[in-house]
Amino acid sequence: MKVSMKDGSVQDLTFADEVGQEAFRHTTSHILAQAVKRLWPDTKCAIGPAIKDGFYYDFEFSFPFTTEHLAEVEKEMKKIVKEALPLERSAVSREEALKLMEDRGEPYKVELIQDLPEGEEISLYRQGEFVDLCAGPHVSNTSVIKALKLQSVAGAYWHGDEHNQMLTRIYGTSFPKAAELDEYLAKIEEAKKRDHRKLGKELGLFAIMEEGPGFPFFLPKGMVLKNLLIDYWRKLHTREGYVEISTPIILSRHLWENSGHWDHYKDNMYTTVIDGEDYAVKPMNCPGGMLVYKVEPRSYKDLPMRVGELGLVHRHEKSGQLHGLMRVRCFTQDDAHIFMTEDQVQDEIKGVAKLIDEVYSKFGFKYHVELSTRPEDSMGTDEEWEMATNALRGALESLGLDYVVNEGDGAFYGPKIDFHLEDSIGRTWQCGTIQLDFQMPQRFDLEYTGADGEKHRPIMIHRVAFGSIERFIGILIEHYAGKFPVWLSPVQVKILPVSEKFADYAKKVSDELKAAGVRVETDLRSEKLGYKIRSAQMEKVPYMLIVGEKEVEGECVSVRRRDEGDIGSMSVDEFAKLVLEDQ
């Protein structure tokens, strides 16, 4: 397909190309705006970009626009596609653009033009009667858009500022083929079924209360899940030679000034005053880890020093960005900081990469890797950044890991490797990270005594495997659709007595299984067996044990597996071994 680029050139691209996909969906957003203006000419248009998996457009309607209007808009969009309207790019002067949008009654476009730097080229795109202020890219003709779907309606403040006008945002997606759209929509429906907020409530894992928006409450079963992950983390890190520390949640302003967070991250930090002095609730564990390193003198013989911390951190997120466990205001970060000499850097990076690979393999995730380079807002010299970036690149290439470069997306103190895992329905999540830092050891004046007897500066790695325990739990809920593997299930076995008279035997079985290390619950409700089985299935428990007269007489249990149904009778000891082997 022909794509009109931002510089006015035309390229042959496909939907598989990143820019081609952007152009395709950006064009669909213009079709959306054209359809809306045809149906309700007094509507004011704001912006309509392509986004991941689709597009949106913001409007100011003269009436309450709801999802019930989407079908009407979508019908008009399909008409525009059939009209096969060419998209024509033109470069105009600032004055021409302003007059056009003023004449068309588009105040948001006027404001956008006024905000553009003097002398910047202004481009317009025309399709039929519709003209939009836009840099591009776009496809050549509306007929290229073969399959489209409007999905939802939301509110959005102009420029994302709550003091501005609330606009109506219409979301949609589009594809070159109807089959591709159908496949995507099916995946969306599957994602809705797997929504961790829905399943988290149904399975009794966590709750978000109005008294603490963005601050999750973990319920008893959720705590079992959380602690299982933490236990796994601790065993793995002990094996790999890490020690564990814990640092305070609140520390003085001086520390955050020294670390650079006060200047670069203050808007995301919660602050307080203690004894007339400024303090901050930690958004990161790193500065406290620096102080731990300085508790005593260090020698080159102590390095590499691998220090882990499951630290509770708090970050201010806007209320509109909060999302279950995926975007919260407090979370447990599975941090570790590795202090090392320059000649240890490559081996330590490779060691972390292998550990992260082991973690993701444990849960059945595939992943891809990105190398993120220096952002505009950063600390340090060009030489330091080049050295750090080359060290990360060298480690990835030494491991034979394929990676893409994500320009300008590093941390303010150093470049990083990000691990993007893929879940069971093909969605990607950024979780693990390895960040190389030359800055913080300098800012905190960290030292070690080298073999030469002189003082040297250590190099530091920041890294996480889960990323955030809370977010990782959210991902796991959706990845498994609540059907956790046996080792990770908060309740591994549900005992279902046929009637109340078998309660004593059910308790005996329960006690024996608990003694063997199996997590058990017993359903003692006065309900029919079929009802109890359906309830246990809804709770997604891996095993159900039916106990009645036959089981009492035979001193056995009848076993049902979550996805297989009845698998026969066996002794309690045999069943306990089965569960423990299934972990």
Protein backbone atom coordinates (compact mmCIF):
# COMPACT_ATOMS: atom_id res chain seq x y z
CA MET A 1 0.00 0.00 0.00
CA LYS A 2 1.10 3.57 -0.75
CA VAL A 3 1.86 5.61 2.38
CA SER A 4 2.23 9.39 2.50
CA MET A 5 5.03 10.10 5.00
CA LYS A 6 5.47 13.05 7.33
CA ASP A 7 8.07 14.58 5.02
CA GLY A 8 5.67 14.44 2.06
CA SER A 9 7.36 11.45 0.39
CA VAL A 10 5.42 8.34 -0.64
CA GLN A 11 6.56 4.82 0.26
CA ASP A 12 5.35 1.31 -0.51
CA LEU A 13 4.69 -0.35 2.86
CA THR A 14 2.67 -3.24 4.25
CA PHE A 15 0.54 -3.58 7.37
CA ALA A 16 3.34 -5.67 8.85
CA ASP A 17 5.63 -2.60 8.80
CA GLU A 18 5.38 -0.49 11.95
CA VAL A 19 4.99 2.75 9.98
CA GLY A 20 2.58 1.06 7.56
CA GLN A 21 0.37 -0.08 10.44
CA GLU A 22 0.49 3.40 11.99
CA ALA A 23 -0.55 4.98 8.68
CA PHE A 24 -3.37 2.45 8.22
CA ARG A 25 -4.89 3.12 11.63
CA HIS A 26 -4.20 6.83 11.57
CA THR A 27 -6.18 6.98 8.34
CA THR A 28 -9.01 5.05 10.01
CA SER A 29 -9.14 7.71 12.75
CA HIS A 30 -9.64 10.35 10.02
CA ILE A 31 -12.44 8.26 8.54
CA LEU A 32 -14.00 8.18 12.01
CA ALA A 33 -13.79 11.98 12.29
CA GLN A 34 -15.27 12.42 8.81
CA ALA A 35 -18.19 10.12 9.68
CA VAL A 36 -18.88 11.99 12.92
CA LYS A 37 -18.83 15.36 11.12
CA ARG A 38 -21.25 14.05 8.48
CA LEU A 39 -23.67 12.84 11.12
CA TRP A 40 -23.33 15.77 13.53
CA PRO A 41 -21.76 18.74 11.69
CA ASP A 42 -21.51 20.95 14.79
CA THR A 43 -19.13 18.50 16.52
CA LYS A 44 -15.66 19.86 17.31
CA CYS A 45 -12.66 17.68 16.44
CA ALA A 46 -9.59 17.50 18.68
CA ILE A 47 -6.93 14.82 17.97
CA GLY A 48 -7.00 11.30 16.51
CA PRO A 49 -3.76 9.30 16.65
CA ALA A 50 -2.95 5.66 15.95
CA ILE A 51 -2.18 3.72 19.12
CA LYS A 52 -1.15 0.16 19.94
CA ASP A 53 -3.74 -2.19 18.42
CA GLY A 54 -5.95 0.60 17.10
CA PHE A 55 -6.76 4.30 17.15
CA TYR A 56 -8.90 6.91 18.86
CA TYR A 57 -10.33 10.36 18.17
CA ASP A 58 -11.38 13.02 20.70
CA PHE A 59 -14.51 15.08 20.05
CA GLU A 60 -16.61 17.75 21.71
CA PHE A 61 -20.24 16.80 21.07
CA SER A 62 -23.25 19.04 21.63
CA PHE A 63 -25.10 16.09 23.18
CA PRO A 64 -24.25 13.12 25.44
CA PHE A 65 -22.54 10.66 23.09
CA THR A 66 -22.79 7.03 24.24
CA THR A 67 -21.85 3.56 23.02
CA GLU A 68 -25.35 3.33 21.51
CA HIS A 69 -24.25 5.82 18.84
CA LEU A 70 -21.25 3.71 17.75
CA ALA A 71 -23.20 1.51 15.32
CA GLU A 72 -24.44 4.60 13.44
CA VAL A 73 -20.91 6.03 13.20
CA GLU A 74 -19.44 2.70 12.12
CA LYS A 75 -22.05 2.37 9.34
CA GLU A 76 -21.08 5.82 8.03
CA MET A 77 -17.37 4.94 8.20
CA LYS A 78 -17.96 1.89 5.99
CA LYS A 79 -19.72 4.15 3.46
CA ILE A 80 -16.65 6.39 3.37
CA VAL A 81 -14.42 3.36 2.79
CA LYS A 82 -16.61 2.32 -0.17
CA GLU A 83 -16.44 5.84 -1.61
CA ALA A 84 -12.71 5.21 -2.17
CA LEU A 85 -11.72 8.78 -1.32
CA PRO A 86 -8.09 9.66 -2.04
CA LEU A 87 -6.12 11.26 0.83
CA GLU A 88 -4.41 14.36 -0.49
CA ARG A 89 -1.59 16.02 1.44
CA SER A 90 -0.91 19.74 1.17
CA ALA A 91 1.56 22.03 2.92
CA VAL A 92 0.11 25.40 3.91
CA SER A 93 1.19 28.52 5.72
CA ARG A 94 0.35 29.18 9.34
CA GLU A 95 -2.10 31.88 8.28
CA GLU A 96 -3.88 29.60 5.78
CA ALA A 97 -4.21 26.82 8.32
CA LEU A 98 -5.58 29.17 10.99
CA LYS A 99 -8.13 30.70 8.62
CA LEU A 100 -9.30 27.30 7.39
CA MET A 101 -9.87 25.91 10.88
CA GLU A 102 -11.45 29.14 12.16
CA ASP A 103 -13.84 29.13 9.19
CA ARG A 104 -14.71 25.48 9.89
CA GLY A 105 -15.38 26.19 13.57
CA GLU A 106 -12.58 23.95 14.91
CA PRO A 107 -11.19 25.71 18.03
CA TYR A 108 -9.04 22.75 19.09
CA LYS A 109 -7.30 22.70 15.71
CA VAL A 110 -6.75 26.47 15.97
CA GLU A 111 -5.09 26.00 19.37
CA LEU A 112 -2.86 23.22 18.01
CA ILE A 113 -1.72 25.46 15.15
CA GLN A 114 -1.03 28.35 17.52
CA ASP A 115 1.10 26.06 19.69
CA LEU A 116 3.32 25.02 16.75
CA PRO A 117 6.79 26.65 16.60
CA GLU A 118 7.16 29.55 14.18
CA GLY A 119 8.41 28.39 10.81
CA GLU A 120 7.33 24.75 11.22
CA GLU A 121 5.73 23.24 8.13
CA ILE A 122 2.00 22.72 8.52
CA SER A 123 0.35 19.93 6.57
CA LEU A 124 -3.31 19.16 5.92
CA TYR A 125 -4.91 15.95 4.70
CA ARG A 126 -8.10 16.07 2.63
CA GLN A 127 -10.48 13.17 1.91
CA GLY A 128 -13.64 14.30 0.14
CA GLU A 129 -15.21 17.17 2.06
CA PHE A 130 -13.20 16.46 5.23
CA VAL A 131 -9.92 18.26 5.94
CA ASP A 132 -7.76 17.61 9.00
CA LEU A 133 -4.66 19.19 10.45
CA CYS A 134 -2.16 16.34 10.50
CA ALA A 135 1.49 15.49 9.97
CA GLY A 136 0.71 11.94 8.80
CA PRO A 137 1.49 9.24 7.87
CA HIS A 138 -1.57 8.10 5.91
CA VAL A 139 -2.49 5.54 3.28
CA SER A 140 -3.42 6.79 -0.17
CA ASN A 141 -7.14 5.96 -0.24
CA THR A 142 -9.95 5.19 2.18
CA SER A 143 -10.70 1.97 0.27
CA VAL A 144 -7.51 0.42 1.70
CA ILE A 145 -9.27 0.09 5.09
CA LYS A 146 -11.00 -3.25 4.57
CA ALA A 147 -12.10 -4.08 8.12
CA LEU A 148 -12.85 -1.76 11.03
CA LYS A 149 -14.62 -1.81 14.38
CA LEU A 150 -15.50 0.88 16.93
CA GLN A 151 -15.02 -0.54 20.40
CA SER A 152 -15.67 1.87 23.24
CA VAL A 153 -16.31 5.41 24.44
CA ALA A 154 -14.48 7.19 27.26
CA GLY A 155 -13.96 10.67 28.66
CA ALA A 156 -10.66 12.46 28.11
CA TYR A 157 -9.58 15.94 29.18
CA TRP A 158 -8.12 18.17 26.49
CA HIS A 159 -4.30 17.91 26.74
CA GLY A 160 -4.82 15.43 29.60
CA ASP A 161 -5.41 18.35 31.98
CA GLU A 162 -8.35 17.99 34.37
CA HIS A 163 -8.82 21.79 34.31
CA ASN A 164 -9.64 21.68 30.58
CA GLN A 165 -12.76 20.66 28.69
CA MET A 166 -13.85 17.03 29.04
CA LEU A 167 -13.99 15.49 25.57
CA THR A 168 -15.47 12.24 24.28
CA ARG A 169 -12.89 9.72 23.13
CA ILE A 170 -13.98 7.03 20.67
CA TYR A 171 -11.71 3.98 20.45
CA GLY A 172 -11.54 1.58 17.53
CA THR A 173 -9.34 -0.75 15.56
CA SER A 174 -8.85 -1.74 11.92
CA PHE A 175 -7.17 -4.42 9.82
CA PRO A 176 -6.53 -5.16 6.14
CA LYS A 177 -8.66 -8.33 6.28
CA ALA A 178 -11.94 -9.19 8.01
CA ALA A 179 -10.44 -12.47 9.26
CA GLU A 180 -7.67 -10.57 11.04
CA LEU A 181 -10.23 -8.29 12.69
CA ASP A 182 -12.31 -11.28 13.78
CA GLU A 183 -9.24 -12.96 15.25
CA TYR A 184 -8.33 -9.79 17.15
CA LEU A 185 -11.86 -9.29 18.50
CA ALA A 186 -11.95 -12.93 19.63
CA LYS A 187 -8.71 -12.31 21.50
CA ILE A 188 -10.24 -9.22 23.13
CA GLU A 189 -13.24 -11.25 24.27
CA GLU A 190 -10.91 -13.88 25.69
CA ALA A 191 -8.97 -11.13 27.49
CA LYS A 192 -12.23 -9.87 29.06
CA LYS A 193 -12.91 -13.36 30.42
CA ARG A 194 -9.39 -13.39 31.86
CA ASP A 195 -9.55 -9.87 33.35
CA HIS A 196 -7.60 -10.11 36.61
CA ARG A 197 -9.93 -7.64 38.32
CA LYS A 198 -12.94 -9.87 37.64
CA LEU A 199 -11.14 -13.13 38.46
CA GLY A 200 -9.36 -11.60 41.46
CA LYS A 201 -12.76 -10.83 42.99
CA GLU A 202 -14.33 -14.19 42.04
CA LEU A 203 -11.36 -16.17 43.39
CA GLY A 204 -11.03 -14.09 46.57
CA LEU A 205 -7.47 -12.94 45.83
CA PHE A 206 -7.49 -9.16 46.26
CA ALA A 207 -9.70 -6.11 46.53
CA ILE A 208 -9.41 -2.42 45.70
CA MET A 209 -11.33 -0.32 48.22
CA GLU A 210 -12.65 3.20 47.70
CA GLU A 211 -10.79 4.11 50.91
CA GLY A 212 -7.50 3.38 49.13
CA PRO A 213 -7.66 3.82 45.34
CA GLY A 214 -4.56 2.28 43.82
CA PHE A 215 -3.62 0.59 47.10
CA PRO A 216 -4.54 -3.11 46.81
CA PHE A 217 -5.78 -5.24 49.72
CA PHE A 218 -4.59 -8.84 49.52
CA LEU A 219 -7.12 -11.34 50.87
CA PRO A 220 -6.11 -14.66 52.51
CA LYS A 221 -5.94 -16.65 49.25
CA GLY A 222 -4.15 -13.77 47.54
CA MET A 223 -1.59 -13.74 50.33
CA VAL A 224 -0.95 -17.45 49.81
CA LEU A 225 -0.27 -16.73 46.13
CA LYS A 226 1.92 -13.72 46.93
CA ASN A 227 3.94 -15.64 49.53
CA LEU A 228 4.44 -18.59 47.17
CA LEU A 229 5.97 -16.23 44.62
CA ILE A 230 8.15 -14.64 47.30
CA ASP A 231 9.27 -18.06 48.58
CA TYR A 232 10.22 -19.06 45.03
CA TRP A 233 12.08 -15.76 44.60
CA ARG A 234 14.01 -16.25 47.87
CA LYS A 235 15.05 -19.83 47.07
CA LEU A 236 16.25 -18.82 43.62
CA HIS A 237 18.24 -15.85 44.88
CA THR A 238 19.79 -17.74 47.78
CA ARG A 239 21.00 -20.31 45.26
CA GLU A 240 22.51 -17.54 43.10
CA GLY A 241 24.47 -15.98 45.95
CA TYR A 242 22.23 -13.02 46.81
CA VAL A 243 21.80 -11.66 50.34
CA GLU A 244 18.55 -9.96 51.37
CA ILE A 245 18.06 -6.61 53.08
CA SER A 246 15.16 -4.36 54.06
CA THR A 247 15.33 -0.57 53.97
CA PRO A 248 12.90 2.04 55.45
CA ILE A 249 9.85 3.24 53.54
CA ILE A 250 10.36 6.90 54.53
CA LEU A 251 13.73 8.63 54.14
CA SER A 252 14.93 12.24 54.20
CA ARG A 253 14.80 14.72 51.35
CA HIS A 254 18.60 14.92 51.44
CA LEU A 255 18.84 11.29 50.32
CA TRP A 256 16.50 11.83 47.37
CA GLU A 257 18.36 14.99 46.35
CA ASN A 258 21.59 13.04 46.41
CA SER A 259 20.12 10.21 44.32
CA GLY A 260 18.67 12.63 41.77
CA HIS A 261 15.07 11.55 42.36
CA TRP A 262 14.07 14.86 43.94
CA ASP A 263 14.95 16.67 40.69
CA HIS A 264 13.92 14.00 38.18
CA TYR A 265 11.04 12.14 39.87
CA LYS A 266 9.48 14.41 42.52
CA ASP A 267 6.06 14.66 40.83
CA ASN A 268 5.62 10.91 41.31
CA MET A 269 6.68 10.91 44.98
CA TYR A 270 4.64 11.21 48.19
CA THR A 271 6.24 13.60 50.65
CA THR A 272 5.77 14.44 54.31
CA VAL A 273 7.30 16.61 57.02
CA ILE A 274 8.83 15.12 60.18
CA ASP A 275 10.25 17.39 62.90
CA GLY A 276 10.20 20.31 60.47
CA GLU A 277 12.25 18.42 57.84
CA ASP A 278 11.14 17.18 54.41
CA TYR A 279 10.91 13.42 53.91
CA ALA A 280 9.69 11.25 51.04
CA VAL A 281 8.02 7.85 50.86
CA LYS A 282 10.38 5.79 48.73
CA PRO A 283 9.38 5.34 45.08
CA MET A 284 12.42 3.08 44.60
CA ASN A 285 14.64 0.92 46.77
CA CYS A 286 17.97 1.95 45.21
CA PRO A 287 19.08 4.88 47.44
CA GLY A 288 18.50 2.85 50.61
CA GLY A 289 20.61 0.09 49.05
CA MET A 290 23.42 2.62 48.57
CA LEU A 291 23.41 3.40 52.28
CA VAL A 292 23.57 -0.32 53.11
CA TYR A 293 26.66 -0.68 50.91
CA LYS A 294 28.31 2.15 52.86
CA VAL A 295 27.64 0.62 56.29
CA GLU A 296 31.15 -0.86 56.29
CA PRO A 297 34.32 -0.66 54.17
CA ARG A 298 34.33 -2.91 51.10
CA SER A 299 37.16 -4.74 49.40
CA TYR A 300 37.48 -6.14 45.87
CA LYS A 301 37.23 -9.55 47.59
CA ASP A 302 33.63 -8.69 48.59
CA LEU A 303 32.63 -8.12 44.96
CA PRO A 304 30.46 -8.93 43.19
CA MET A 305 28.05 -8.14 46.01
CA ARG A 306 24.49 -9.21 45.12
CA VAL A 307 21.89 -7.61 47.38
CA GLY A 308 18.15 -8.33 47.04
CA GLU A 309 15.23 -6.42 48.52
CA LEU A 310 11.51 -7.09 48.37
CA GLY A 311 10.76 -3.45 49.08
CA LEU A 312 7.35 -1.82 49.29
CA VAL A 313 7.47 1.35 47.17
CA HIS A 314 4.90 4.09 46.56
CA ARG A 315 4.46 6.16 43.40
CA HIS A 316 1.82 8.75 42.67
CA GLU A 317 -0.23 7.67 39.66
CA LYS A 318 -3.14 9.70 38.30
CA SER A 319 -6.51 8.19 39.19
CA GLY A 320 -7.42 7.70 35.52
CA GLN A 321 -4.32 5.53 35.00
CA LEU A 322 -5.02 3.11 37.85
CA HIS A 323 -5.90 -0.41 36.69
CA GLY A 324 -6.39 -3.27 39.15
CA LEU A 325 -2.98 -4.72 40.04
CA MET A 326 -1.43 -3.63 36.75
CA ARG A 327 -1.16 0.06 37.66
CA VAL A 328 -1.17 0.79 41.38
CA ARG A 329 0.21 3.36 43.80
CA CYS A 330 2.06 0.92 46.05
CA PHE A 331 3.73 -2.32 45.11
CA THR A 332 6.46 -4.73 46.17
CA GLN A 333 9.44 -4.47 43.85
CA ASP A 334 11.66 -7.54 43.68
CA ASP A 335 14.77 -5.43 43.49
CA ALA A 336 18.36 -6.47 43.57
CA HIS A 337 21.47 -4.33 43.30
CA ILE A 338 24.76 -5.83 42.26
CA PHE A 339 27.97 -3.97 43.11
CA MET A 340 30.95 -5.05 41.04
CA THR A 341 34.25 -4.20 39.42
CA GLU A 342 34.46 -3.20 35.76
CA ASP A 343 35.83 -6.60 34.69
CA GLN A 344 32.84 -8.34 36.36
CA VAL A 345 30.16 -6.41 34.45
CA GLN A 346 29.69 -8.77 31.52
CA ASP A 347 29.45 -11.92 33.65
CA GLU A 348 26.99 -10.34 36.07
CA ILE A 349 24.71 -9.09 33.31
CA LYS A 350 24.73 -12.55 31.75
CA GLY A 351 24.00 -14.12 35.15
CA VAL A 352 20.96 -11.88 35.64
CA ALA A 353 19.72 -12.55 32.11
CA LYS A 354 19.92 -16.32 32.73
CA LEU A 355 18.07 -15.94 36.05
CA ILE A 356 15.26 -13.94 34.41
CA ASP A 357 15.05 -16.56 31.65
CA GLU A 358 14.66 -19.28 34.31
CA VAL A 359 11.88 -17.35 36.05
CA TYR A 360 9.86 -16.78 32.88
CA SER A 361 10.33 -20.38 31.76
CA LYS A 362 8.94 -21.52 35.14
CA PHE A 363 5.63 -19.85 34.29
CA GLY A 364 5.56 -20.79 30.61
CA PHE A 365 6.25 -17.32 29.21
CA LYS A 366 8.03 -16.54 25.97
CA TYR A 367 9.75 -13.15 25.82
CA HIS A 368 11.68 -10.69 23.69
CA VAL A 369 14.41 -8.24 24.70
CA GLU A 370 14.86 -4.49 24.18
CA LEU A 371 17.96 -2.37 24.79
CA SER A 372 16.90 1.12 25.91
CA THR A 373 19.34 3.98 25.44
CA ARG A 374 19.92 7.44 26.92
CA PRO A 375 16.81 9.62 27.42
CA GLU A 376 16.78 13.41 27.10
CA ASP A 377 16.39 13.86 30.87
CA SER A 378 19.50 12.09 32.14
CA MET A 379 22.63 12.38 34.28
CA GLY A 380 26.25 11.65 33.40
CA THR A 381 28.76 12.14 30.59
CA ASP A 382 28.55 10.86 27.03
CA GLU A 383 31.54 8.62 27.71
CA GLU A 384 29.85 6.97 30.71
CA TRP A 385 26.67 6.35 28.77
CA GLU A 386 28.56 4.91 25.83
CA MET A 387 30.54 2.59 28.11
CA ALA A 388 27.39 1.41 29.91
CA THR A 389 25.39 0.90 26.70
CA ASN A 390 28.22 -1.04 25.07
CA ALA A 391 28.49 -3.27 28.16
CA LEU A 392 24.80 -4.20 27.95
CA ARG A 393 24.98 -4.72 24.19
CA GLY A 394 28.08 -6.90 24.56
CA ALA A 395 26.39 -9.12 27.17
CA LEU A 396 23.30 -9.64 24.98
CA GLU A 397 25.42 -10.53 21.97
CA SER A 398 27.59 -12.85 24.04
CA LEU A 399 24.43 -14.71 25.18
CA GLY A 400 23.15 -14.85 21.60
CA LEU A 401 19.93 -13.04 22.58
CA ASP A 402 18.11 -11.22 19.79
CA TYR A 403 17.17 -7.67 20.74
CA VAL A 404 15.84 -4.42 19.37
CA VAL A 405 17.12 -0.96 20.31
CA ASN A 406 14.58 1.32 22.00
CA GLU A 407 16.15 4.74 21.52
CA GLY A 408 15.84 7.23 24.38
CA ASP A 409 13.88 4.98 26.76
CA GLY A 410 16.60 4.31 29.35
CA ALA A 411 16.44 5.35 33.01
CA PHE A 412 17.74 8.82 33.83
CA TYR A 413 20.85 7.29 35.42
CA GLY A 414 21.73 4.62 32.86
CA PRO A 415 20.76 2.39 29.91
CA LYS A 416 18.79 -0.80 30.45
CA ILE A 417 17.73 -4.16 29.07
CA ASP A 418 13.97 -4.76 29.26
CA PHE A 419 12.34 -8.18 29.06
CA HIS A 420 8.88 -8.19 27.47
CA LEU A 421 7.09 -11.42 28.22
CA GLU A 422 4.30 -12.89 26.10
CA ASP A 423 1.29 -14.45 27.81
CA SER A 424 -0.92 -17.35 26.73
CA ILE A 425 -3.07 -15.19 24.43
CA GLY A 426 -0.19 -13.33 22.81
CA ARG A 427 -0.16 -10.08 24.81
CA THR A 428 3.18 -8.61 25.86
CA TRP A 429 4.11 -7.19 29.28
CA GLN A 430 7.30 -5.41 30.30
CA CYS A 431 8.49 -7.00 33.54
CA GLY A 432 12.15 -7.86 33.99
CA THR A 433 14.85 -5.24 33.58
CA ILE A 434 18.62 -4.92 33.92
CA GLN A 435 19.88 -1.36 34.37
CA LEU A 436 23.58 -0.51 34.38
CA ASP A 437 24.41 2.49 36.55
CA PHE A 438 27.65 4.47 36.74
CA GLN A 439 25.92 7.50 38.25
CA MET A 440 24.56 6.47 41.62
CA PRO A 441 27.85 5.00 42.92
CA GLN A 442 29.38 8.38 42.11
CA ARG A 443 26.62 10.41 43.73
CA PHE A 444 26.84 8.34 46.91
CA ASP A 445 30.64 8.16 46.85
CA LEU A 446 30.71 4.35 46.95
CA GLU A 447 34.17 2.82 47.18
CA TYR A 448 36.04 -0.43 47.47
CA THR A 449 39.68 -1.17 48.11
CA GLY A 450 41.24 -2.80 45.07
CA ALA A 451 44.02 -5.43 44.89
CA ASP A 452 46.41 -2.48 44.47
CA GLY A 453 45.42 -1.08 47.87
CA GLU A 454 43.83 1.99 46.24
CA LYS A 455 40.24 3.21 46.41
CA HIS A 456 38.04 2.47 43.40
CA ARG A 457 34.44 3.16 42.39
CA PRO A 458 32.16 0.10 42.00
CA ILE A 459 29.78 -0.25 39.06
CA MET A 460 26.20 -1.11 39.84
CA ILE A 461 23.35 -3.10 38.31
CA HIS A 462 19.71 -2.47 39.18
CA ARG A 463 17.51 -5.44 38.24
CA VAL A 464 14.11 -6.98 38.77
CA ALA A 465 12.72 -10.32 37.60
CA PHE A 466 9.00 -10.07 38.42
CA GLY A 467 9.11 -6.28 38.15
CA SER A 468 6.40 -5.83 40.72
CA ILE A 469 4.91 -8.71 42.71
CA GLU A 470 1.45 -7.17 42.41
CA ARG A 471 1.60 -6.60 38.68
CA PHE A 472 3.10 -10.04 38.11
CA ILE A 473 0.20 -11.59 40.02
CA GLY A 474 -2.21 -9.68 37.76
CA ILE A 475 -0.38 -11.01 34.69
CA LEU A 476 -0.39 -14.57 36.07
CA ILE A 477 -4.13 -14.44 36.79
CA GLU A 478 -4.79 -13.51 33.16
CA HIS A 479 -2.11 -15.81 31.73
CA TYR A 480 -3.61 -18.85 33.47
CA ALA A 481 -7.21 -17.52 33.35
CA GLY A 482 -7.26 -18.17 37.11
CA LYS A 483 -6.32 -21.85 36.61
CA PHE A 484 -3.00 -21.71 38.43
CA PRO A 485 -0.63 -24.68 38.23
CA VAL A 486 -0.85 -26.95 41.25
CA TRP A 487 2.24 -25.53 42.98
CA LEU A 488 0.88 -21.99 42.72
CA SER A 489 -2.80 -22.63 43.55
CA PRO A 490 -3.85 -21.01 46.85
CA VAL A 491 -6.14 -24.04 47.40
CA GLN A 492 -4.81 -27.22 45.81
CA VAL A 493 -7.55 -29.60 46.96
CA LYS A 494 -11.24 -29.20 47.79
CA ILE A 495 -12.79 -32.00 49.84
CA LEU A 496 -16.49 -32.51 49.05
CA PRO A 497 -18.40 -34.75 51.52
CA VAL A 498 -21.52 -36.28 49.95
CA SER A 499 -23.49 -35.36 53.06
CA GLU A 500 -23.00 -34.06 56.60
CA LYS A 501 -22.56 -37.55 58.05
CA PHE A 502 -19.21 -37.83 56.26
CA ALA A 503 -17.84 -34.60 57.76
CA ASP A 504 -15.66 -36.46 60.27
CA TYR A 505 -14.01 -38.53 57.56
CA ALA A 506 -13.53 -35.37 55.46
CA LYS A 507 -11.75 -33.75 58.42
CA LYS A 508 -9.53 -36.84 58.85
CA VAL A 509 -8.55 -36.68 55.16
CA SER A 510 -7.97 -32.93 55.43
CA ASP A 511 -5.67 -33.31 58.45
CA GLU A 512 -3.61 -36.01 56.71
CA LEU A 513 -3.18 -33.92 53.58
CA LYS A 514 -2.25 -30.80 55.53
CA ALA A 515 0.35 -32.82 57.43
CA ALA A 516 1.81 -33.87 54.07
CA GLY A 517 2.11 -30.19 52.99
CA VAL A 518 -0.99 -29.98 50.77
CA ARG A 519 -3.21 -26.86 50.84
CA VAL A 520 -6.78 -28.05 51.52
CA GLU A 521 -10.29 -26.69 52.02
CA THR A 522 -13.43 -28.67 52.90
CA ASP A 523 -16.93 -27.77 51.69
CA LEU A 524 -19.22 -28.61 54.61
CA ARG A 525 -22.27 -26.78 53.28
CA SER A 526 -25.64 -28.60 53.26
CA GLU A 527 -25.76 -28.64 49.47
CA LYS A 528 -26.05 -31.40 46.89
CA LEU A 529 -22.81 -32.89 45.61
CA GLY A 530 -23.35 -31.58 42.06
CA TYR A 531 -23.63 -28.03 43.40
CA LYS A 532 -20.42 -28.42 45.39
CA ILE A 533 -18.56 -29.76 42.34
CA ARG A 534 -19.73 -26.81 40.21
CA SER A 535 -18.65 -24.38 42.96
CA ALA A 536 -15.18 -25.95 43.14
CA GLN A 537 -14.94 -25.75 39.35
CA MET A 538 -15.83 -22.05 39.49
CA GLU A 539 -13.07 -21.62 42.08
CA LYS A 540 -10.70 -23.34 39.60
CA VAL A 541 -9.31 -25.70 42.27
CA PRO A 542 -6.90 -28.25 40.69
CA TYR A 543 -8.27 -31.29 42.59
CA MET A 544 -11.60 -32.27 44.14
CA LEU A 545 -12.00 -35.21 46.50
CA ILE A 546 -15.40 -36.84 46.81
CA VAL A 547 -15.93 -38.62 50.16
CA GLY A 548 -19.01 -40.72 50.91
CA GLU A 549 -19.92 -44.14 52.23
CA LYS A 550 -17.83 -46.04 49.66
CA GLU A 551 -14.75 -43.94 50.47
CA VAL A 552 -15.18 -44.32 54.22
CA GLU A 553 -15.46 -48.10 53.91
CA GLY A 554 -12.49 -48.33 51.57
CA GLU A 555 -10.42 -45.70 53.45
CA CYS A 556 -9.83 -43.92 50.19
CA VAL A 557 -10.89 -40.83 48.21
CA SER A 558 -12.50 -40.42 44.78
CA VAL A 559 -10.43 -37.93 42.80
CA ARG A 560 -11.54 -35.38 40.21
CA ARG A 561 -8.96 -33.34 38.30
CA ARG A 562 -9.85 -29.77 37.25
CA ASP A 563 -9.74 -30.30 33.48
CA GLU A 564 -10.14 -34.08 33.27
CA GLY A 565 -12.98 -34.97 35.61
CA ASP A 566 -13.02 -38.30 37.48
CA ILE A 567 -9.61 -40.08 37.56
CA GLY A 568 -10.55 -42.87 40.01
CA SER A 569 -10.10 -43.82 43.65
CA MET A 570 -6.88 -43.99 45.64
CA SER A 571 -5.59 -43.89 49.19
CA VAL A 572 -4.94 -40.57 50.89
CA ASP A 573 -1.18 -41.27 50.85
CA GLU A 574 -1.25 -42.03 47.12
CA PHE A 575 -3.19 -38.86 46.44
CA ALA A 576 -0.84 -36.72 48.55
CA LYS A 577 2.10 -38.04 46.52
CA LEU A 578 0.23 -37.26 43.28
CA VAL A 579 -0.33 -33.64 44.34
CA LEU A 580 3.23 -33.12 45.50
CA GLU A 581 4.63 -34.66 42.30
CA ASP A 582 2.35 -32.38 40.26
CA GLN A 583 4.06 -29.28 41.58
